[in-house]
Structures are given as structure tokens and as C-alpha cells.
Amino acid sequence: ACETALAIAFEKLRARQDPATDAFDIVDVDRNV
């Protein structure tokens, strides 16, 4: 998730968008965060 967050952030920065407020919630099969 950290690697993916960096990749998405770089793409957003290239598009002049702020990725600082984006987030991932890692959840299990039962949808518990």
C-alpha cells in the first residue's frame, strides 16, 4: 500500500493535484479496517 500510495501520489503531482488528503484503508475479508 505504501508503494502504491507513492505511485498514485507521483501521478497526481504530475497532474498538479494534491495527494496529501488521499488515503488507503486496509481491510480484511469481513470488511474490518
Full PDB file with SEQRES, HELIX, SHEET, SSBOND, CRYST1, ORIGX, SCALE, CONECT and MASTER records, all heavy atoms in Angstrom:
SEQRES   1 A   33  ALA CYS GLU THR ALA LEU ALA ILE ALA PHE GLU LYS LEU          
SEQRES   2 A   33  ARG ALA ARG GLN ASP PRO ALA THR ASP ALA PHE ASP ILE          
SEQRES   3 A   33  VAL ASP VAL ASP ARG ASN VAL                                  
HELIX    1 AA1 CYS A    2  ARG A   14  1                                  13    
CRYST1    1.000    1.000    1.000  90.00  90.00  90.00 P 1           1          
ORIGX1      1.000000  0.000000  0.000000        0.00000                         
ORIGX2      0.000000  1.000000  0.000000        0.00000                         
ORIGX3      0.000000  0.000000  1.000000        0.00000                         
SCALE1      1.000000  0.000000  0.000000        0.00000                         
SCALE2      0.000000  1.000000  0.000000        0.00000                         
SCALE3      0.000000  0.000000  1.000000        0.00000                         
ATOM      1  N   ALA A   1       0.834  -1.207   0.000  1.00  0.00           N  
ATOM      2  CA  ALA A   1       0.000   0.000   0.000  1.00  0.00           C  
ATOM      3  C   ALA A   1       0.866   1.253   0.000  1.00  0.00           C  
ATOM      4  O   ALA A   1       0.533   2.247  -0.665  1.00  0.00           O  
ATOM      5  CB  ALA A   1      -0.945  -0.009   1.203  1.00  0.00           C  
ATOM      6  N   CYS A   2       1.981   1.226   0.722  1.00  0.00           N  
ATOM      7  CA  CYS A   2       2.899   2.375   0.729  1.00  0.00           C  
ATOM      8  C   CYS A   2       3.462   2.628  -0.666  1.00  0.00           C  
ATOM      9  O   CYS A   2       3.506   3.773  -1.127  1.00  0.00           O  
ATOM     10  CB  CYS A   2       4.044   2.136   1.712  1.00  0.00           C  
ATOM     11  SG  CYS A   2       3.573   2.254   3.438  1.00  0.00           S  
ATOM     12  N   GLU A   3       3.890   1.568  -1.343  1.00  0.00           N  
ATOM     13  CA  GLU A   3       4.426   1.710  -2.694  1.00  0.00           C  
ATOM     14  C   GLU A   3       3.355   2.238  -3.652  1.00  0.00           C  
ATOM     15  O   GLU A   3       3.620   3.119  -4.472  1.00  0.00           O  
ATOM     16  CB  GLU A   3       4.965   0.371  -3.200  1.00  0.00           C  
ATOM     17  CG  GLU A   3       6.237  -0.066  -2.522  1.00  0.00           C  
ATOM     18  CD  GLU A   3       6.727  -1.413  -3.032  1.00  0.00           C  
ATOM     19  OE1 GLU A   3       6.412  -1.784  -4.187  1.00  0.00           O  
ATOM     20  OE2 GLU A   3       7.422  -2.096  -2.273  1.00  0.00           O  
ATOM     21  N   THR A   4       2.150   1.707  -3.531  1.00  0.00           N  
ATOM     22  CA  THR A   4       1.059   2.142  -4.395  1.00  0.00           C  
ATOM     23  C   THR A   4       0.693   3.595  -4.110  1.00  0.00           C  
ATOM     24  O   THR A   4       0.431   4.371  -5.035  1.00  0.00           O  
ATOM     25  CB  THR A   4      -0.164   1.227  -4.212  1.00  0.00           C  
ATOM     26  OG1 THR A   4       0.235  -0.127  -4.470  1.00  0.00           O  
ATOM     27  CG2 THR A   4      -1.293   1.615  -5.147  1.00  0.00           C  
ATOM     28  N   ALA A   5       0.683   3.967  -2.835  1.00  0.00           N  
ATOM     29  CA  ALA A   5       0.375   5.350  -2.459  1.00  0.00           C  
ATOM     30  C   ALA A   5       1.396   6.299  -3.081  1.00  0.00           C  
ATOM     31  O   ALA A   5       1.031   7.370  -3.600  1.00  0.00           O  
ATOM     32  CB  ALA A   5       0.351   5.497  -0.941  1.00  0.00           C  
ATOM     33  N   LEU A   6       2.656   5.924  -3.054  1.00  0.00           N  
ATOM     34  CA  LEU A   6       3.691   6.765  -3.673  1.00  0.00           C  
ATOM     35  C   LEU A   6       3.479   6.883  -5.180  1.00  0.00           C  
ATOM     36  O   LEU A   6       3.587   7.974  -5.746  1.00  0.00           O  
ATOM     37  CB  LEU A   6       5.080   6.200  -3.385  1.00  0.00           C  
ATOM     38  CG  LEU A   6       5.620   6.443  -1.974  1.00  0.00           C  
ATOM     39  CD1 LEU A   6       6.928   5.681  -1.769  1.00  0.00           C  
ATOM     40  CD2 LEU A   6       5.822   7.926  -1.726  1.00  0.00           C  
ATOM     41  N   ALA A   7       3.154   5.775  -5.815  1.00  0.00           N  
ATOM     42  CA  ALA A   7       2.934   5.794  -7.266  1.00  0.00           C  
ATOM     43  C   ALA A   7       1.750   6.697  -7.620  1.00  0.00           C  
ATOM     44  O   ALA A   7       1.828   7.512  -8.560  1.00  0.00           O  
ATOM     45  CB  ALA A   7       2.716   4.378  -7.783  1.00  0.00           C  
ATOM     46  N   ILE A   8       0.652   6.552  -6.887  1.00  0.00           N  
ATOM     47  CA  ILE A   8      -0.524   7.393  -7.138  1.00  0.00           C  
ATOM     48  C   ILE A   8      -0.201   8.854  -6.857  1.00  0.00           C  
ATOM     49  O   ILE A   8      -0.578   9.754  -7.612  1.00  0.00           O  
ATOM     50  CB  ILE A   8      -1.723   6.915  -6.287  1.00  0.00           C  
ATOM     51  CG1 ILE A   8      -2.203   5.551  -6.773  1.00  0.00           C  
ATOM     52  CG2 ILE A   8      -2.861   7.929  -6.334  1.00  0.00           C  
ATOM     53  CD1 ILE A   8      -3.241   4.901  -5.858  1.00  0.00           C  
ATOM     54  N   ALA A   9       0.524   9.108  -5.763  1.00  0.00           N  
ATOM     55  CA  ALA A   9       0.886  10.485  -5.395  1.00  0.00           C  
ATOM     56  C   ALA A   9       1.720  11.137  -6.492  1.00  0.00           C  
ATOM     57  O   ALA A   9       1.491  12.301  -6.848  1.00  0.00           O  
ATOM     58  CB  ALA A   9       1.632  10.496  -4.066  1.00  0.00           C  
ATOM     59  N   PHE A  10       2.687  10.402  -7.039  1.00  0.00           N  
ATOM     60  CA  PHE A  10       3.515  10.966  -8.102  1.00  0.00           C  
ATOM     61  C   PHE A  10       2.672  11.309  -9.333  1.00  0.00           C  
ATOM     62  O   PHE A  10       2.857  12.355  -9.946  1.00  0.00           O  
ATOM     63  CB  PHE A  10       4.655  10.018  -8.481  1.00  0.00           C  
ATOM     64  CG  PHE A  10       5.704   9.898  -7.410  1.00  0.00           C  
ATOM     65  CD1 PHE A  10       6.294   8.675  -7.141  1.00  0.00           C  
ATOM     66  CD2 PHE A  10       6.121  10.994  -6.667  1.00  0.00           C  
ATOM     67  CE1 PHE A  10       7.257   8.549  -6.141  1.00  0.00           C  
ATOM     68  CE2 PHE A  10       7.090  10.882  -5.670  1.00  0.00           C  
ATOM     69  CZ  PHE A  10       7.660   9.650  -5.423  1.00  0.00           C  
ATOM     70  N   GLU A  11       1.732  10.434  -9.673  1.00  0.00           N  
ATOM     71  CA  GLU A  11       0.857  10.702 -10.817  1.00  0.00           C  
ATOM     72  C   GLU A  11      -0.012  11.946 -10.564  1.00  0.00           C  
ATOM     73  O   GLU A  11      -0.202  12.770 -11.450  1.00  0.00           O  
ATOM     74  CB  GLU A  11      -0.024   9.491 -11.128  1.00  0.00           C  
ATOM     75  CG  GLU A  11       0.726   8.328 -11.720  1.00  0.00           C  
ATOM     76  CD  GLU A  11       1.443   8.682 -13.017  1.00  0.00           C  
ATOM     77  OE1 GLU A  11       0.857   9.369 -13.884  1.00  0.00           O  
ATOM     78  OE2 GLU A  11       2.620   8.278 -13.155  1.00  0.00           O  
ATOM     79  N   LYS A  12      -0.535  12.065  -9.350  1.00  0.00           N  
ATOM     80  CA  LYS A  12      -1.354  13.225  -9.018  1.00  0.00           C  
ATOM     81  C   LYS A  12      -0.520  14.504  -9.046  1.00  0.00           C  
ATOM     82  O   LYS A  12      -0.987  15.554  -9.508  1.00  0.00           O  
ATOM     83  CB  LYS A  12      -2.037  13.039  -7.665  1.00  0.00           C  
ATOM     84  CG  LYS A  12      -3.161  12.013  -7.719  1.00  0.00           C  
ATOM     85  CD  LYS A  12      -3.946  11.985  -6.448  1.00  0.00           C  
ATOM     86  CE  LYS A  12      -5.028  13.037  -6.540  1.00  0.00           C  
ATOM     87  NZ  LYS A  12      -6.038  12.915  -5.487  1.00  0.00           N  
ATOM     88  N   LEU A  13       0.696  14.441  -8.555  1.00  0.00           N  
ATOM     89  CA  LEU A  13       1.571  15.619  -8.573  1.00  0.00           C  
ATOM     90  C   LEU A  13       1.891  16.039 -10.000  1.00  0.00           C  
ATOM     91  O   LEU A  13       1.919  17.235 -10.307  1.00  0.00           O  
ATOM     92  CB  LEU A  13       2.850  15.340  -7.778  1.00  0.00           C  
ATOM     93  CG  LEU A  13       2.678  15.259  -6.253  1.00  0.00           C  
ATOM     94  CD1 LEU A  13       3.955  14.737  -5.599  1.00  0.00           C  
ATOM     95  CD2 LEU A  13       2.276  16.605  -5.671  1.00  0.00           C  
ATOM     96  N   ARG A  14       2.115  15.067 -10.871  1.00  0.00           N  
ATOM     97  CA  ARG A  14       2.367  15.394 -12.278  1.00  0.00           C  
ATOM     98  C   ARG A  14       1.162  16.108 -12.896  1.00  0.00           C  
ATOM     99  O   ARG A  14       1.317  16.951 -13.769  1.00  0.00           O  
ATOM    100  CB  ARG A  14       2.670  14.112 -13.062  1.00  0.00           C  
ATOM    101  CG  ARG A  14       4.060  13.601 -12.845  1.00  0.00           C  
ATOM    102  CD  ARG A  14       4.374  12.431 -13.775  1.00  0.00           C  
ATOM    103  NE  ARG A  14       5.623  11.838 -13.387  1.00  0.00           N  
ATOM    104  CZ  ARG A  14       5.763  10.637 -12.846  1.00  0.00           C  
ATOM    105  NH1 ARG A  14       4.721   9.857 -12.662  1.00  0.00           N  
ATOM    106  NH2 ARG A  14       6.948  10.188 -12.504  1.00  0.00           N  
ATOM    107  N   ALA A  15      -0.035  15.747 -12.424  1.00  0.00           N  
ATOM    108  CA  ALA A  15      -1.267  16.373 -12.926  1.00  0.00           C  
ATOM    109  C   ALA A  15      -1.607  17.635 -12.139  1.00  0.00           C  
ATOM    110  O   ALA A  15      -2.699  18.180 -12.272  1.00  0.00           O  
ATOM    111  CB  ALA A  15      -2.416  15.372 -12.856  1.00  0.00           C  
ATOM    112  N   ARG A  16      -0.678  18.062 -11.286  1.00  0.00           N  
ATOM    113  CA  ARG A  16      -0.836  19.252 -10.444  1.00  0.00           C  
ATOM    114  C   ARG A  16      -2.024  19.146  -9.497  1.00  0.00           C  
ATOM    115  O   ARG A  16      -2.769  20.094  -9.272  1.00  0.00           O  
ATOM    116  CB  ARG A  16      -0.920  20.515 -11.296  1.00  0.00           C  
ATOM    117  CG  ARG A  16       0.273  20.720 -12.187  1.00  0.00           C  
ATOM    118  CD  ARG A  16       0.588  22.183 -12.342  1.00  0.00           C  
ATOM    119  NE  ARG A  16       1.730  22.409 -13.204  1.00  0.00           N  
ATOM    120  CZ  ARG A  16       2.994  22.445 -12.782  1.00  0.00           C  
ATOM    121  NH1 ARG A  16       3.270  22.264 -11.529  1.00  0.00           N  
ATOM    122  NH2 ARG A  16       3.970  22.688 -13.618  1.00  0.00           N  
ATOM    123  N   GLN A  17      -2.188  17.938  -8.918  1.00  0.00           N  
ATOM    124  CA  GLN A  17      -3.217  17.694  -7.912  1.00  0.00           C  
ATOM    125  C   GLN A  17      -2.518  17.351  -6.602  1.00  0.00           C  
ATOM    126  O   GLN A  17      -1.429  16.773  -6.601  1.00  0.00           O  
ATOM    127  CB  GLN A  17      -4.128  16.534  -8.326  1.00  0.00           C  
ATOM    128  CG  GLN A  17      -4.901  16.805  -9.595  1.00  0.00           C  
ATOM    129  CD  GLN A  17      -5.648  15.566 -10.068  1.00  0.00           C  
ATOM    130  OE1 GLN A  17      -5.565  14.505  -9.471  1.00  0.00           O  
ATOM    131  NE2 GLN A  17      -6.384  15.715 -11.160  1.00  0.00           N  
ATOM    132  N   ASP A  18      -3.147  17.681  -5.479  1.00  0.00           N  
ATOM    133  CA  ASP A  18      -2.565  17.435  -4.161  1.00  0.00           C  
ATOM    134  C   ASP A  18      -2.998  16.058  -3.641  1.00  0.00           C  
ATOM    135  O   ASP A  18      -4.172  15.838  -3.362  1.00  0.00           O  
ATOM    136  CB  ASP A  18      -3.010  18.515  -3.171  1.00  0.00           C  
ATOM    137  CG  ASP A  18      -2.359  18.373  -1.804  1.00  0.00           C  
ATOM    138  OD1 ASP A  18      -1.420  17.553  -1.664  1.00  0.00           O  
ATOM    139  OD2 ASP A  18      -2.787  19.092  -0.884  1.00  0.00           O  
ATOM    140  N   PRO A  19      -2.058  15.130  -3.471  1.00  0.00           N  
ATOM    141  CA  PRO A  19      -2.397  13.800  -2.962  1.00  0.00           C  
ATOM    142  C   PRO A  19      -2.396  13.708  -1.433  1.00  0.00           C  
ATOM    143  O   PRO A  19      -2.701  12.652  -0.873  1.00  0.00           O  
ATOM    144  CB  PRO A  19      -1.289  12.920  -3.540  1.00  0.00           C  
ATOM    145  CG  PRO A  19      -0.098  13.835  -3.581  1.00  0.00           C  
ATOM    146  CD  PRO A  19      -0.668  15.192  -3.921  1.00  0.00           C  
ATOM    147  N   ALA A  20      -2.085  14.794  -0.744  1.00  0.00           N  
ATOM    148  CA  ALA A  20      -1.882  14.756   0.710  1.00  0.00           C  
ATOM    149  C   ALA A  20      -3.133  14.341   1.485  1.00  0.00           C  
ATOM    150  O   ALA A  20      -3.023  13.827   2.594  1.00  0.00           O  
ATOM    151  CB  ALA A  20      -1.372  16.094   1.220  1.00  0.00           C  
ATOM    152  N   THR A  21      -4.318  14.545   0.923  1.00  0.00           N  
ATOM    153  CA  THR A  21      -5.541  14.184   1.650  1.00  0.00           C  
ATOM    154  C   THR A  21      -6.078  12.810   1.252  1.00  0.00           C  
ATOM    155  O   THR A  21      -7.088  12.362   1.790  1.00  0.00           O  
ATOM    156  CB  THR A  21      -6.640  15.241   1.420  1.00  0.00           C  
ATOM    157  OG1 THR A  21      -6.910  15.326   0.020  1.00  0.00           O  
ATOM    158  CG2 THR A  21      -6.217  16.591   1.962  1.00  0.00           C  
ATOM    159  N   ASP A  22      -5.419  12.143   0.316  1.00  0.00           N  
ATOM    160  CA  ASP A  22      -5.829  10.797  -0.089  1.00  0.00           C  
ATOM    161  C   ASP A  22      -5.417   9.787   0.979  1.00  0.00           C  
ATOM    162  O   ASP A  22      -4.529  10.056   1.796  1.00  0.00           O  
ATOM    163  CB  ASP A  22      -5.189  10.417  -1.425  1.00  0.00           C  
ATOM    164  CG  ASP A  22      -5.690  11.272  -2.580  1.00  0.00           C  
ATOM    165  OD1 ASP A  22      -6.482  12.197  -2.335  1.00  0.00           O  
ATOM    166  OD2 ASP A  22      -5.277  11.001  -3.719  1.00  0.00           O  
ATOM    167  N   ALA A  23      -6.052   8.616   0.942  1.00  0.00           N  
ATOM    168  CA  ALA A  23      -5.730   7.587   1.939  1.00  0.00           C  
ATOM    169  C   ALA A  23      -6.179   6.215   1.464  1.00  0.00           C  
ATOM    170  O   ALA A  23      -7.077   6.088   0.626  1.00  0.00           O  
ATOM    171  CB  ALA A  23      -6.407   7.906   3.269  1.00  0.00           C  
ATOM    172  N   PHE A  24      -5.544   5.212   2.022  1.00  0.00           N  
ATOM    173  CA  PHE A  24      -5.984   3.823   1.862  1.00  0.00           C  
ATOM    174  C   PHE A  24      -6.478   3.329   3.213  1.00  0.00           C  
ATOM    175  O   PHE A  24      -5.870   3.623   4.253  1.00  0.00           O  
ATOM    176  CB  PHE A  24      -4.830   2.904   1.443  1.00  0.00           C  
ATOM    177  CG  PHE A  24      -4.526   2.886  -0.014  1.00  0.00           C  
ATOM    178  CD1 PHE A  24      -3.254   3.189  -0.465  1.00  0.00           C  
ATOM    179  CD2 PHE A  24      -5.490   2.543  -0.943  1.00  0.00           C  
ATOM    180  CE1 PHE A  24      -2.949   3.167  -1.816  1.00  0.00           C  
ATOM    181  CE2 PHE A  24      -5.204   2.513  -2.297  1.00  0.00           C  
ATOM    182  CZ  PHE A  24      -3.924   2.827  -2.735  1.00  0.00           C  
ATOM    183  N   ASP A  25      -7.558   2.573   3.198  1.00  0.00           N  
ATOM    184  CA  ASP A  25      -7.972   1.781   4.355  1.00  0.00           C  
ATOM    185  C   ASP A  25      -7.701   0.339   3.984  1.00  0.00           C  
ATOM    186  O   ASP A  25      -8.240  -0.153   2.986  1.00  0.00           O  
ATOM    187  CB  ASP A  25      -9.462   1.950   4.668  1.00  0.00           C  
ATOM    188  CG  ASP A  25      -9.784   3.279   5.319  1.00  0.00           C  
ATOM    189  OD1 ASP A  25      -8.869   3.907   5.871  1.00  0.00           O  
ATOM    190  OD2 ASP A  25     -10.960   3.676   5.279  1.00  0.00           O  
ATOM    191  N   ILE A  26      -6.855  -0.330   4.748  1.00  0.00           N  
ATOM    192  CA  ILE A  26      -6.590  -1.749   4.510  1.00  0.00           C  
ATOM    193  C   ILE A  26      -7.599  -2.516   5.353  1.00  0.00           C  
ATOM    194  O   ILE A  26      -7.637  -2.363   6.576  1.00  0.00           O  
ATOM    195  CB  ILE A  26      -5.146  -2.127   4.895  1.00  0.00           C  
ATOM    196  CG1 ILE A  26      -4.142  -1.258   4.129  1.00  0.00           C  
ATOM    197  CG2 ILE A  26      -4.901  -3.613   4.631  1.00  0.00           C  
ATOM    198  CD1 ILE A  26      -2.695  -1.441   4.560  1.00  0.00           C  
ATOM    199  N   VAL A  27      -8.430  -3.325   4.686  1.00  0.00           N  
ATOM    200  CA  VAL A  27      -9.494  -4.039   5.384  1.00  0.00           C  
ATOM    201  C   VAL A  27      -9.361  -5.535   5.148  1.00  0.00           C  
ATOM    202  O   VAL A  27      -8.741  -5.981   4.170  1.00  0.00           O  
ATOM    203  CB  VAL A  27     -10.897  -3.537   4.952  1.00  0.00           C  
ATOM    204  CG1 VAL A  27     -11.079  -2.073   5.292  1.00  0.00           C  
ATOM    205  CG2 VAL A  27     -11.131  -3.747   3.478  1.00  0.00           C  
ATOM    206  N   ASP A  28      -9.949  -6.319   6.053  1.00  0.00           N  
ATOM    207  CA  ASP A  28      -9.909  -7.768   5.915  1.00  0.00           C  
ATOM    208  C   ASP A  28     -11.145  -8.273   5.179  1.00  0.00           C  
ATOM    209  O   ASP A  28     -11.985  -7.490   4.733  1.00  0.00           O  
ATOM    210  CB  ASP A  28      -9.738  -8.451   7.275  1.00  0.00           C  
ATOM    211  CG  ASP A  28     -10.898  -8.209   8.226  1.00  0.00           C  
ATOM    212  OD1 ASP A  28     -11.959  -7.711   7.792  1.00  0.00           O  
ATOM    213  OD2 ASP A  28     -10.746  -8.531   9.422  1.00  0.00           O  
ATOM    214  N   VAL A  29     -11.272  -9.577   5.067  1.00  0.00           N  
ATOM    215  CA  VAL A  29     -12.382 -10.199   4.347  1.00  0.00           C  
ATOM    216  C   VAL A  29     -13.733  -9.818   4.951  1.00  0.00           C  
ATOM    217  O   VAL A  29     -14.726  -9.668   4.242  1.00  0.00           O  
ATOM    218  CB  VAL A  29     -12.205 -11.735   4.338  1.00  0.00           C  
ATOM    219  CG1 VAL A  29     -13.386 -12.423   3.696  1.00  0.00           C  
ATOM    220  CG2 VAL A  29     -10.931 -12.112   3.609  1.00  0.00           C  
ATOM    221  N   ASP A  30     -13.766  -9.632   6.272  1.00  0.00           N  
ATOM    222  CA  ASP A  30     -15.009  -9.257   6.951  1.00  0.00           C  
ATOM    223  C   ASP A  30     -15.256  -7.748   6.911  1.00  0.00           C  
ATOM    224  O   ASP A  30     -16.156  -7.255   7.581  1.00  0.00           O  
ATOM    225  CB  ASP A  30     -14.974  -9.741   8.406  1.00  0.00           C  
ATOM    226  CG  ASP A  30     -14.884 -11.246   8.497  1.00  0.00           C  
ATOM    227  OD1 ASP A  30     -15.529 -11.931   7.670  1.00  0.00           O  
ATOM    228  OD2 ASP A  30     -14.165 -11.746   9.385  1.00  0.00           O  
ATOM    229  N   ARG A  31     -14.417  -7.030   6.169  1.00  0.00           N  
ATOM    230  CA  ARG A  31     -14.515  -5.579   5.999  1.00  0.00           C  
ATOM    231  C   ARG A  31     -14.194  -4.797   7.276  1.00  0.00           C  
ATOM    232  O   ARG A  31     -14.625  -3.663   7.449  1.00  0.00           O  
ATOM    233  CB  ARG A  31     -15.885  -5.154   5.450  1.00  0.00           C  
ATOM    234  CG  ARG A  31     -16.215  -5.784   4.110  1.00  0.00           C  
ATOM    235  CD  ARG A  31     -15.179  -5.393   3.097  1.00  0.00           C  
ATOM    236  NE  ARG A  31     -15.559  -5.925   1.771  1.00  0.00           N  
ATOM    237  CZ  ARG A  31     -14.757  -5.908   0.745  1.00  0.00           C  
ATOM    238  NH1 ARG A  31     -13.558  -5.412   0.846  1.00  0.00           N  
ATOM    239  NH2 ARG A  31     -15.137  -6.393  -0.416  1.00  0.00           N  
ATOM    240  N   ASN A  32     -13.403  -5.388   8.159  1.00  0.00           N  
ATOM    241  CA  ASN A  32     -12.900  -4.672   9.331  1.00  0.00           C  
ATOM    242  C   ASN A  32     -11.665  -3.888   8.911  1.00  0.00           C  
ATOM    243  O   ASN A  32     -10.767  -4.432   8.260  1.00  0.00           O  
ATOM    244  CB  ASN A  32     -12.501  -5.653  10.449  1.00  0.00           C  
ATOM    245  CG  ASN A  32     -13.674  -6.445  10.949  1.00  0.00           C  
ATOM    246  OD1 ASN A  32     -14.716  -5.890  11.248  1.00  0.00           O  
ATOM    247  ND2 ASN A  32     -13.523  -7.761  11.005  1.00  0.00           N  
ATOM    248  N   VAL A  33     -11.615  -2.608   9.289  1.00  0.00           N  
ATOM    249  CA  VAL A  33     -10.453  -1.786   8.955  1.00  0.00           C  
ATOM    250  C   VAL A  33      -9.301  -2.220   9.859  1.00  0.00           C  
ATOM    251  O   VAL A  33      -9.381  -2.155  11.084  1.00  0.00           O  
ATOM    252  CB  VAL A  33     -10.751  -0.280   9.135  1.00  0.00           C  
ATOM    253  CG1 VAL A  33      -9.494   0.544   8.872  1.00  0.00           C  
ATOM    254  CG2 VAL A  33     -11.875   0.159   8.208  1.00  0.00           C  
TER     255      VAL A  33                                                      
MASTER        0    0    0    1    0    0    0    6  254    1    0    3          
END                                                                             
